[in-house]
N, C-alpha and C. Protein backbone atom coordinates (compact mmCIF):
# COMPACT_ATOMS: atom_id res chain seq x y z
N UNK A 1 66.67 83.33 -1.75
CA UNK A 1 65.30 82.93 -1.45
C UNK A 1 65.32 81.73 -0.51
N UNK A 2 64.48 81.75 0.50
CA UNK A 2 64.40 80.68 1.48
C UNK A 2 62.96 80.18 1.52
N UNK A 3 62.80 78.88 1.48
CA UNK A 3 61.48 78.28 1.66
C UNK A 3 61.45 77.54 2.98
N UNK A 4 60.35 77.70 3.70
CA UNK A 4 60.19 77.11 5.02
C UNK A 4 59.02 76.14 5.02
N UNK A 5 59.23 74.95 5.57
CA UNK A 5 58.18 73.94 5.63
C UNK A 5 58.09 73.41 7.05
N UNK A 6 56.94 73.64 7.68
CA UNK A 6 56.72 73.17 9.05
C UNK A 6 56.17 71.75 9.05
N UNK A 7 56.43 71.05 10.13
CA UNK A 7 55.87 69.71 10.33
C UNK A 7 55.82 69.43 11.82
N UNK A 8 55.12 68.35 12.19
CA UNK A 8 55.09 67.94 13.59
C UNK A 8 53.82 68.30 14.33
N UNK A 9 52.92 69.03 13.69
CA UNK A 9 51.68 69.37 14.37
C UNK A 9 50.78 68.15 14.51
N UNK A 10 49.71 68.31 15.27
CA UNK A 10 48.78 67.20 15.46
C UNK A 10 47.85 67.45 16.62
N UNK A 11 47.19 66.38 17.05
CA UNK A 11 46.24 66.42 18.16
C UNK A 11 46.89 65.80 19.38
N UNK A 12 46.83 66.51 20.49
CA UNK A 12 47.44 66.02 21.72
C UNK A 12 46.55 66.41 22.90
N UNK A 13 46.57 65.62 23.94
CA UNK A 13 45.80 65.94 25.14
C UNK A 13 46.51 67.00 25.97
N UNK A 14 45.74 67.74 26.72
CA UNK A 14 46.32 68.74 27.61
C UNK A 14 47.36 68.08 28.53
N UNK A 15 48.47 68.76 28.70
CA UNK A 15 49.57 68.23 29.48
C UNK A 15 50.60 67.49 28.67
N UNK A 16 50.26 67.20 27.42
CA UNK A 16 51.17 66.47 26.56
C UNK A 16 52.21 67.35 25.90
N UNK A 17 52.98 66.72 25.00
CA UNK A 17 54.08 67.42 24.33
C UNK A 17 54.03 67.18 22.83
N UNK A 18 54.58 68.13 22.11
CA UNK A 18 54.79 68.01 20.67
C UNK A 18 56.09 68.73 20.33
N UNK A 19 56.73 68.29 19.26
CA UNK A 19 57.89 69.02 18.75
C UNK A 19 57.63 69.39 17.30
N UNK A 20 57.63 70.66 17.05
CA UNK A 20 57.48 71.17 15.69
C UNK A 20 58.85 71.33 15.06
N UNK A 21 58.91 71.09 13.76
CA UNK A 21 60.13 71.31 13.00
C UNK A 21 59.84 72.26 11.85
N UNK A 22 60.84 73.01 11.47
CA UNK A 22 60.73 73.90 10.33
C UNK A 22 61.99 73.71 9.50
N UNK A 23 61.83 73.08 8.36
CA UNK A 23 62.96 72.81 7.47
C UNK A 23 63.08 73.93 6.44
N UNK A 24 64.29 74.43 6.30
CA UNK A 24 64.52 75.55 5.39
C UNK A 24 65.38 75.12 4.22
N UNK A 25 65.06 75.64 3.08
CA UNK A 25 65.91 75.45 1.91
C UNK A 25 66.75 76.70 1.72
N UNK A 26 67.87 76.55 1.06
CA UNK A 26 68.70 77.71 0.81
C UNK A 26 69.95 77.71 1.67
N UNK A 27 71.01 78.22 1.11
CA UNK A 27 72.30 78.19 1.78
C UNK A 27 72.43 79.20 2.90
N UNK A 28 71.55 80.20 2.91
CA UNK A 28 71.71 81.30 3.85
C UNK A 28 70.95 81.10 5.14
N UNK A 29 70.38 79.91 5.36
CA UNK A 29 69.58 79.68 6.56
C UNK A 29 70.35 80.03 7.82
N UNK A 30 71.60 79.65 7.89
CA UNK A 30 72.37 79.85 9.11
C UNK A 30 72.63 81.31 9.43
N UNK A 31 72.37 82.20 8.49
CA UNK A 31 72.58 83.62 8.74
C UNK A 31 71.30 84.33 9.18
N UNK A 32 70.18 83.60 9.21
CA UNK A 32 68.90 84.22 9.53
C UNK A 32 68.48 83.97 10.97
N UNK A 33 67.91 84.99 11.57
CA UNK A 33 67.16 84.78 12.80
C UNK A 33 65.87 84.05 12.44
N UNK A 34 65.39 83.23 13.35
CA UNK A 34 64.17 82.46 13.10
C UNK A 34 63.19 82.66 14.25
N UNK A 35 61.93 82.45 13.93
CA UNK A 35 60.90 82.65 14.95
C UNK A 35 59.72 81.73 14.70
N UNK A 36 58.94 81.55 15.73
CA UNK A 36 57.66 80.85 15.64
C UNK A 36 56.54 81.82 16.02
N UNK A 37 55.47 81.76 15.26
CA UNK A 37 54.25 82.51 15.55
C UNK A 37 53.10 81.52 15.55
N UNK A 38 51.96 81.96 16.06
CA UNK A 38 50.76 81.12 16.00
C UNK A 38 49.53 81.98 15.80
N UNK A 39 48.52 81.36 15.24
CA UNK A 39 47.25 82.05 15.04
C UNK A 39 46.11 81.12 15.37
N UNK A 40 45.35 81.49 16.39
CA UNK A 40 44.17 80.74 16.79
C UNK A 40 42.96 81.23 16.01
N UNK A 41 41.93 80.41 15.89
CA UNK A 41 40.73 80.83 15.15
C UNK A 41 40.15 82.12 15.71
N UNK A 42 39.90 83.06 14.82
CA UNK A 42 39.29 84.32 15.23
C UNK A 42 40.23 85.29 15.91
N UNK A 43 41.51 84.93 15.97
CA UNK A 43 42.48 85.81 16.64
C UNK A 43 43.59 86.22 15.68
N UNK A 44 44.32 87.26 16.06
CA UNK A 44 45.44 87.70 15.25
C UNK A 44 46.65 86.79 15.47
N UNK A 45 47.53 86.79 14.49
CA UNK A 45 48.76 86.03 14.64
C UNK A 45 49.58 86.63 15.77
N UNK A 46 50.18 85.78 16.61
CA UNK A 46 50.95 86.26 17.74
C UNK A 46 52.32 85.60 17.79
N UNK A 47 53.26 86.34 18.34
CA UNK A 47 54.62 85.86 18.51
C UNK A 47 54.67 84.77 19.58
N UNK A 48 55.49 83.75 19.32
CA UNK A 48 55.68 82.68 20.29
C UNK A 48 57.12 82.65 20.80
N UNK A 49 58.09 82.58 19.87
CA UNK A 49 59.50 82.48 20.27
C UNK A 49 60.38 82.90 19.11
N UNK A 50 61.61 83.32 19.43
CA UNK A 50 62.59 83.66 18.40
C UNK A 50 63.97 83.23 18.85
N UNK A 51 64.86 83.08 17.87
CA UNK A 51 66.21 82.62 18.14
C UNK A 51 67.16 83.31 17.18
N UNK A 52 68.36 83.67 17.66
CA UNK A 52 69.35 84.31 16.80
C UNK A 52 69.92 83.30 15.80
N UNK A 53 70.69 83.81 14.84
CA UNK A 53 71.23 82.95 13.80
C UNK A 53 72.14 81.88 14.40
N UNK A 54 72.83 82.21 15.48
CA UNK A 54 73.75 81.27 16.08
C UNK A 54 73.11 80.38 17.13
N UNK A 55 71.91 80.75 17.55
CA UNK A 55 71.26 80.01 18.62
C UNK A 55 71.66 80.46 20.00
N UNK A 56 72.47 81.51 20.09
CA UNK A 56 72.99 81.95 21.38
C UNK A 56 71.99 82.72 22.22
N UNK A 57 70.94 83.22 21.58
CA UNK A 57 69.95 84.01 22.31
C UNK A 57 68.55 83.63 21.86
N UNK A 58 67.66 83.55 22.83
CA UNK A 58 66.27 83.22 22.55
C UNK A 58 65.34 84.16 23.31
N UNK A 59 64.10 84.19 22.87
CA UNK A 59 63.09 85.03 23.52
C UNK A 59 61.75 84.34 23.37
N UNK A 60 60.91 84.48 24.42
CA UNK A 60 59.61 83.79 24.42
C UNK A 60 58.49 84.73 24.82
N UNK A 61 57.31 84.44 24.31
CA UNK A 61 56.12 85.10 24.81
C UNK A 61 55.87 84.64 26.24
N UNK A 62 55.31 85.51 27.04
CA UNK A 62 55.05 85.16 28.44
C UNK A 62 54.15 83.93 28.55
N UNK A 63 53.24 83.78 27.61
CA UNK A 63 52.26 82.70 27.69
C UNK A 63 52.89 81.31 27.51
N UNK A 64 54.11 81.25 26.95
CA UNK A 64 54.73 79.94 26.71
C UNK A 64 56.05 79.78 27.47
N UNK A 65 56.49 80.83 28.14
CA UNK A 65 57.77 80.79 28.84
C UNK A 65 57.78 79.67 29.88
N UNK A 66 58.84 78.87 29.87
CA UNK A 66 58.95 77.76 30.80
C UNK A 66 58.32 76.48 30.29
N UNK A 67 57.56 76.56 29.21
CA UNK A 67 56.92 75.35 28.64
C UNK A 67 57.44 75.04 27.24
N UNK A 68 57.77 76.05 26.47
CA UNK A 68 58.24 75.87 25.09
C UNK A 68 59.73 76.19 25.02
N UNK A 69 60.42 75.50 24.10
CA UNK A 69 61.84 75.75 23.87
C UNK A 69 62.09 75.80 22.37
N UNK A 70 62.70 76.89 21.92
CA UNK A 70 63.09 77.01 20.52
C UNK A 70 64.57 76.66 20.40
N UNK A 71 64.92 75.96 19.34
CA UNK A 71 66.31 75.60 19.10
C UNK A 71 66.51 75.47 17.58
N UNK A 72 67.75 75.36 17.18
CA UNK A 72 68.04 75.22 15.75
C UNK A 72 69.27 74.36 15.54
N UNK A 73 69.29 73.73 14.39
CA UNK A 73 70.45 72.95 13.95
C UNK A 73 70.81 73.46 12.57
N UNK A 74 71.81 74.31 12.50
CA UNK A 74 72.16 74.93 11.22
C UNK A 74 72.73 73.92 10.23
N UNK A 75 73.31 72.85 10.72
CA UNK A 75 73.81 71.81 9.83
C UNK A 75 72.68 71.11 9.10
N UNK A 76 71.50 71.09 9.73
CA UNK A 76 70.32 70.45 9.14
C UNK A 76 69.33 71.47 8.58
N UNK A 77 69.68 72.75 8.65
CA UNK A 77 68.78 73.81 8.15
C UNK A 77 67.39 73.69 8.77
N UNK A 78 67.35 73.46 10.07
CA UNK A 78 66.08 73.20 10.74
C UNK A 78 66.01 73.96 12.05
N UNK A 79 64.84 74.49 12.32
CA UNK A 79 64.55 75.10 13.62
C UNK A 79 63.41 74.31 14.26
N UNK A 80 63.46 74.20 15.57
CA UNK A 80 62.51 73.37 16.30
C UNK A 80 61.75 74.20 17.33
N UNK A 81 60.57 73.69 17.67
CA UNK A 81 59.84 74.25 18.82
C UNK A 81 59.34 73.07 19.64
N UNK A 82 60.00 72.85 20.76
CA UNK A 82 59.57 71.81 21.70
C UNK A 82 58.50 72.40 22.59
N UNK A 83 57.33 71.78 22.60
CA UNK A 83 56.19 72.29 23.36
C UNK A 83 55.80 71.26 24.41
N UNK A 84 55.94 71.63 25.66
CA UNK A 84 55.59 70.76 26.78
C UNK A 84 54.44 71.35 27.57
N UNK A 85 53.81 70.51 28.37
CA UNK A 85 52.70 70.96 29.23
C UNK A 85 51.69 71.76 28.41
N UNK A 86 51.29 71.21 27.30
CA UNK A 86 50.38 71.92 26.41
C UNK A 86 49.02 72.14 27.05
N UNK A 87 48.42 73.27 26.69
CA UNK A 87 47.12 73.67 27.20
C UNK A 87 46.15 73.84 26.03
N UNK A 88 44.86 73.74 26.28
CA UNK A 88 43.90 73.96 25.18
C UNK A 88 44.08 75.31 24.50
N UNK A 89 44.50 76.31 25.26
CA UNK A 89 44.68 77.64 24.66
C UNK A 89 45.91 77.72 23.76
N UNK A 90 46.71 76.67 23.69
CA UNK A 90 47.82 76.61 22.74
C UNK A 90 47.35 76.17 21.35
N UNK A 91 46.09 75.78 21.25
CA UNK A 91 45.54 75.36 19.96
C UNK A 91 45.62 76.50 18.96
N UNK A 92 46.26 76.23 17.82
CA UNK A 92 46.48 77.26 16.80
C UNK A 92 47.19 76.65 15.61
N UNK A 93 47.26 77.41 14.55
CA UNK A 93 48.18 77.10 13.45
C UNK A 93 49.51 77.76 13.78
N UNK A 94 50.56 76.98 13.75
CA UNK A 94 51.89 77.47 14.09
C UNK A 94 52.70 77.69 12.82
N UNK A 95 53.33 78.87 12.74
CA UNK A 95 54.11 79.25 11.59
C UNK A 95 55.56 79.52 11.99
N UNK A 96 56.49 79.10 11.17
CA UNK A 96 57.86 79.53 11.38
C UNK A 96 58.17 80.67 10.40
N UNK A 97 59.10 81.50 10.79
CA UNK A 97 59.46 82.67 10.01
C UNK A 97 60.95 82.91 10.13
N UNK A 98 61.53 83.54 9.14
CA UNK A 98 62.95 83.84 9.16
C UNK A 98 63.26 85.15 8.51
N UNK A 99 64.37 85.76 8.96
CA UNK A 99 64.78 87.02 8.38
C UNK A 99 66.10 87.48 8.93
N UNK A 100 66.57 88.59 8.41
CA UNK A 100 67.88 89.09 8.81
C UNK A 100 67.84 89.80 10.15
N UNK A 101 66.67 90.24 10.58
CA UNK A 101 66.55 90.95 11.84
C UNK A 101 65.98 90.04 12.92
N UNK A 102 66.63 90.03 14.08
CA UNK A 102 66.18 89.18 15.19
C UNK A 102 64.75 89.51 15.59
N UNK A 103 64.43 90.80 15.61
CA UNK A 103 63.10 91.21 16.07
C UNK A 103 62.10 91.36 14.93
N UNK A 104 62.53 91.03 13.72
CA UNK A 104 61.64 91.18 12.57
C UNK A 104 61.69 92.58 12.02
N UNK A 105 60.92 92.86 10.98
CA UNK A 105 59.97 91.94 10.34
C UNK A 105 60.70 90.80 9.63
N UNK A 106 59.99 89.70 9.48
CA UNK A 106 60.55 88.51 8.89
C UNK A 106 60.19 88.41 7.41
N UNK A 107 61.20 88.00 6.67
CA UNK A 107 61.05 88.00 5.21
C UNK A 107 60.40 86.73 4.69
N UNK A 108 60.54 85.65 5.41
CA UNK A 108 60.10 84.35 4.91
C UNK A 108 59.18 83.69 5.93
N UNK A 109 58.14 83.05 5.39
CA UNK A 109 57.14 82.39 6.24
C UNK A 109 56.81 81.02 5.68
N UNK A 110 56.55 80.08 6.59
CA UNK A 110 56.07 78.78 6.17
C UNK A 110 54.56 78.79 6.00
N UNK A 111 54.03 77.63 5.64
CA UNK A 111 52.59 77.53 5.37
C UNK A 111 51.78 77.21 6.63
N UNK A 112 52.47 76.83 7.69
CA UNK A 112 51.80 76.57 8.96
C UNK A 112 51.51 75.10 9.20
N UNK A 113 51.43 74.75 10.46
CA UNK A 113 51.05 73.39 10.87
C UNK A 113 50.08 73.50 12.04
N UNK A 114 49.02 72.69 11.99
CA UNK A 114 47.96 72.78 13.00
C UNK A 114 48.34 72.03 14.26
N UNK A 115 48.16 72.68 15.39
CA UNK A 115 48.30 72.06 16.70
C UNK A 115 46.97 72.18 17.42
N UNK A 116 46.44 71.05 17.84
CA UNK A 116 45.16 71.03 18.57
C UNK A 116 45.37 70.33 19.90
N UNK A 117 45.02 71.02 20.98
CA UNK A 117 45.18 70.47 22.32
C UNK A 117 43.79 70.26 22.90
N UNK A 118 43.46 69.03 23.20
CA UNK A 118 42.15 68.71 23.76
C UNK A 118 42.20 68.73 25.28
N UNK A 119 41.08 69.10 25.87
CA UNK A 119 41.02 69.19 27.34
C UNK A 119 40.55 67.88 27.95
């Protein structure tokens, strides 16, 4: 069983940066692929980024490519999402997820952290 806890969300002006963290409990974190999703008000949850268990491969949604970077530190059981050049349309609740399959479906989900970008 893995528990995921996100942190680092907040209010930021357009053009600013935030770094989200997702801390995982459990010894098997390093064997799981991890991902970030987001859900804006009135919209469906959407994929943002994913990373392999080793960190050797990543994938991004077109809407965040070149602005967001996903990374992980298996020694700290943590995955990160560095978000730069934020836009108002990035406003959403951000969730981290983990599982045995790189492309999902993901077995474990965090509770989410709010990111609000003001214009």
